[in-house]
């Protein structure tokens, strides 16, 4: 079977100032045309994932964070902030992760786009 290849490019979006996001805090970015993305500042660094649990509509920004894992506030599924992988039920599907960069004190997300 043959198909058409789709190239993927990326755009960079400023989401907040680093000093507005201390270690242990989370910032949820609402970017027009996209689902909410949450940026977690852990002792290991900044990590960005889709904010909505893949099991049910719950904000992961409202979950509990330990090390590089966030636990959904509804049904206790845990997601790895580095990979987006889920550790167990009831969620079965990983969340999308995004690259995060800091430049001149600003936090940026790299968002994939398709032409």
Protein backbone atom coordinates (compact mmCIF):
# COMPACT_ATOMS: atom_id res chain seq x y z
CA UNK A 1 0.00 0.00 0.00
CA UNK A 2 1.32 3.43 -0.86
CA UNK A 3 0.43 6.76 0.64
CA UNK A 4 1.28 10.40 0.58
CA UNK A 5 4.03 11.49 2.94
CA UNK A 6 3.28 14.50 5.11
CA UNK A 7 6.16 16.63 6.25
CA UNK A 8 6.03 18.02 9.74
CA UNK A 9 7.55 21.32 10.69
CA UNK A 10 7.50 23.15 14.00
CA UNK A 11 6.63 26.57 15.31
CA UNK A 12 7.87 28.12 18.51
CA UNK A 13 5.46 29.86 20.88
CA UNK A 14 6.32 31.94 23.94
CA UNK A 15 4.17 30.83 26.89
CA UNK A 16 5.42 32.64 30.00
CA UNK A 17 8.40 34.06 31.88
CA UNK A 18 10.58 31.54 33.70
CA UNK A 19 10.36 33.59 36.92
CA UNK A 20 6.55 33.12 36.78
CA UNK A 21 7.03 29.34 36.88
CA UNK A 22 9.06 28.33 39.96
CA UNK A 23 10.11 24.73 40.60
CA UNK A 24 7.09 22.72 41.74
CA UNK A 25 4.59 24.82 39.78
CA UNK A 26 2.70 24.30 36.53
CA UNK A 27 1.57 26.73 33.83
CA UNK A 28 -1.21 25.84 31.40
CA UNK A 29 -0.91 27.45 27.98
CA UNK A 30 -4.05 28.02 25.97
CA UNK A 31 -2.94 28.45 22.38
CA UNK A 32 -5.64 29.28 19.81
CA UNK A 33 -6.59 26.27 17.70
CA UNK A 34 -4.95 23.75 20.06
CA UNK A 35 -5.83 21.76 23.14
CA UNK A 36 -4.36 23.14 26.38
CA UNK A 37 -0.72 22.27 27.09
CA UNK A 38 0.71 22.24 30.61
CA UNK A 39 4.33 23.06 31.39
CA UNK A 40 5.60 21.48 34.62
CA UNK A 41 8.71 22.84 36.34
CA UNK A 42 10.28 19.97 38.28
CA UNK A 43 13.66 19.63 39.97
CA UNK A 44 14.75 17.85 36.75
CA UNK A 45 13.67 20.69 34.46
CA UNK A 46 10.75 21.90 32.38
CA UNK A 47 8.39 19.41 30.72
CA UNK A 48 5.32 20.05 28.56
CA UNK A 49 2.45 17.65 27.88
CA UNK A 50 -1.15 17.82 26.69
CA UNK A 51 -3.16 18.96 29.69
CA UNK A 52 -6.10 16.56 29.29
CA UNK A 53 -5.97 13.00 30.61
CA UNK A 54 -6.49 10.46 27.81
CA UNK A 55 -8.95 8.48 29.94
CA UNK A 56 -11.41 11.22 30.80
CA UNK A 57 -11.59 15.01 30.56
CA UNK A 58 -9.50 15.96 33.57
CA UNK A 59 -6.81 18.63 33.71
CA UNK A 60 -3.43 17.06 34.47
CA UNK A 61 -2.33 20.47 35.76
CA UNK A 62 -4.65 19.74 38.71
CA UNK A 63 -2.91 16.41 39.37
CA UNK A 64 -0.19 15.45 41.82
CA UNK A 65 3.41 15.66 40.67
CA UNK A 66 6.20 13.54 42.07
CA UNK A 67 9.61 13.52 40.42
CA UNK A 68 8.76 13.42 36.68
CA UNK A 69 5.30 11.86 36.99
CA UNK A 70 1.88 13.49 37.18
CA UNK A 71 -1.10 11.61 38.57
CA UNK A 72 -4.52 12.38 37.11
CA UNK A 73 -6.80 13.91 39.77
CA UNK A 74 -9.78 11.77 38.74
CA UNK A 75 -8.75 8.13 38.45
CA UNK A 76 -5.07 8.01 39.42
CA UNK A 77 -3.50 7.17 36.07
CA UNK A 78 0.09 8.41 36.05
CA UNK A 79 1.90 9.97 33.10
CA UNK A 80 5.66 10.34 32.68
CA UNK A 81 6.36 14.02 32.01
CA UNK A 82 9.45 13.15 29.95
CA UNK A 83 7.81 10.65 27.56
CA UNK A 84 4.05 11.06 27.99
CA UNK A 85 3.71 7.32 28.62
CA UNK A 86 0.99 6.16 30.99
CA UNK A 87 1.95 3.76 33.78
CA UNK A 88 -1.37 2.01 34.24
CA UNK A 89 -5.13 1.95 33.99
CA UNK A 90 -7.61 3.28 33.60
CA UNK A 91 -5.79 5.42 30.99
CA UNK A 92 -4.24 3.37 28.19
CA UNK A 93 -3.05 6.07 25.77
CA UNK A 94 -0.01 8.30 26.27
CA UNK A 95 -0.25 12.08 26.18
CA UNK A 96 1.64 14.19 23.63
CA UNK A 97 4.89 15.76 24.85
CA UNK A 98 6.45 18.99 23.58
CA UNK A 99 9.95 20.38 23.57
CA UNK A 100 10.50 23.29 25.97
CA UNK A 101 13.23 25.92 25.67
CA UNK A 102 14.21 28.95 27.72
CA UNK A 103 15.70 32.03 26.09
CA UNK A 104 16.33 35.38 27.76
CA UNK A 105 14.11 34.36 30.68
CA UNK A 106 11.15 33.40 28.47
CA UNK A 107 9.72 29.87 28.23
CA UNK A 108 8.92 28.60 24.72
CA UNK A 109 7.11 25.54 23.39
CA UNK A 110 7.98 23.88 20.11
CA UNK A 111 4.71 22.90 18.48
CA UNK A 112 4.53 20.54 15.51
CA UNK A 113 2.63 21.86 12.51
CA UNK A 114 1.72 20.26 9.21
CA UNK A 115 1.92 22.30 6.03
